[in-house]
Amino acid sequence: MPDGEDWLLRPVVEGMCLYPSLIDGTLSLCDVARINDAISVRNENQRRMEAAAKGR
């Protein structure tokens, strides 16, 4: 998405927050950053788990 909107909307797409929470200021950019970090960690852990399972 243009202008980094994918980063902003990633928590919404992942179901970790609602879009109106971004618009009305319920969530700050710091909150969005933390959620994005958590999503990245989860995805990396999943990738590692799948790679380890294939290696067995």
Protein backbone atom coordinates (compact mmCIF):
# COMPACT_ATOMS: atom_id res chain seq x y z
CA MET A 1 0.00 0.00 0.00
CA PRO A 2 1.22 3.52 -0.62
CA ASP A 3 2.68 5.69 2.11
CA GLY A 4 3.18 2.84 4.58
CA GLU A 5 -0.52 2.30 5.12
CA ASP A 6 0.10 -1.44 5.15
CA TRP A 7 2.04 -1.02 8.41
CA LEU A 8 -0.78 1.01 9.90
CA LEU A 9 -3.51 -1.38 8.78
CA ARG A 10 -1.67 -4.63 9.49
CA PRO A 11 -3.08 -4.95 13.05
CA VAL A 12 -6.59 -4.48 11.65
CA VAL A 13 -6.08 -7.10 8.94
CA GLU A 14 -4.63 -9.48 11.54
CA GLY A 15 -7.72 -8.99 13.73
CA MET A 16 -5.78 -7.49 16.65
CA CYS A 17 -7.66 -4.18 16.64
CA LEU A 18 -10.57 -2.47 14.97
CA TYR A 19 -10.20 0.17 12.29
CA PRO A 20 -12.23 2.76 14.22
CA SER A 21 -9.68 2.48 17.06
CA LEU A 22 -7.05 3.81 14.66
CA ILE A 23 -9.24 6.64 13.45
CA ASP A 24 -10.60 7.86 16.78
CA GLY A 25 -7.24 7.87 18.54
CA THR A 26 -7.96 5.00 20.89
CA LEU A 27 -4.68 3.48 19.71
CA SER A 28 -1.52 5.54 19.41
CA LEU A 29 1.23 4.99 16.88
CA CYS A 30 3.22 3.41 19.72
CA ASP A 31 0.39 0.91 20.19
CA VAL A 32 0.35 0.16 16.47
CA ALA A 33 4.14 -0.33 16.52
CA ARG A 34 3.89 -2.76 19.46
CA ILE A 35 1.16 -4.73 17.75
CA ASN A 36 3.21 -4.88 14.55
CA ASP A 37 6.21 -6.12 16.54
CA ALA A 38 4.06 -8.80 18.16
CA ILE A 39 2.74 -9.90 14.76
CA SER A 40 6.28 -10.09 13.38
CA VAL A 41 7.47 -12.15 16.36
CA ARG A 42 4.51 -14.51 16.05
CA ASN A 43 5.11 -14.96 12.33
CA GLU A 44 8.83 -15.57 12.81
CA ASN A 45 8.16 -18.11 15.57
CA GLN A 46 5.68 -19.89 13.31
CA ARG A 47 8.21 -19.93 10.46
CA ARG A 48 10.91 -21.37 12.74
CA MET A 49 8.56 -23.98 14.14
CA GLU A 50 7.59 -25.12 10.65
CA ALA A 51 11.24 -25.21 9.54
CA ALA A 52 12.18 -27.28 12.59
CA ALA A 53 9.32 -29.67 11.97
CA LYS A 54 10.47 -30.20 8.38
CA GLY A 55 13.99 -30.91 9.61
CA ARG A 56 12.89 -33.84 11.73
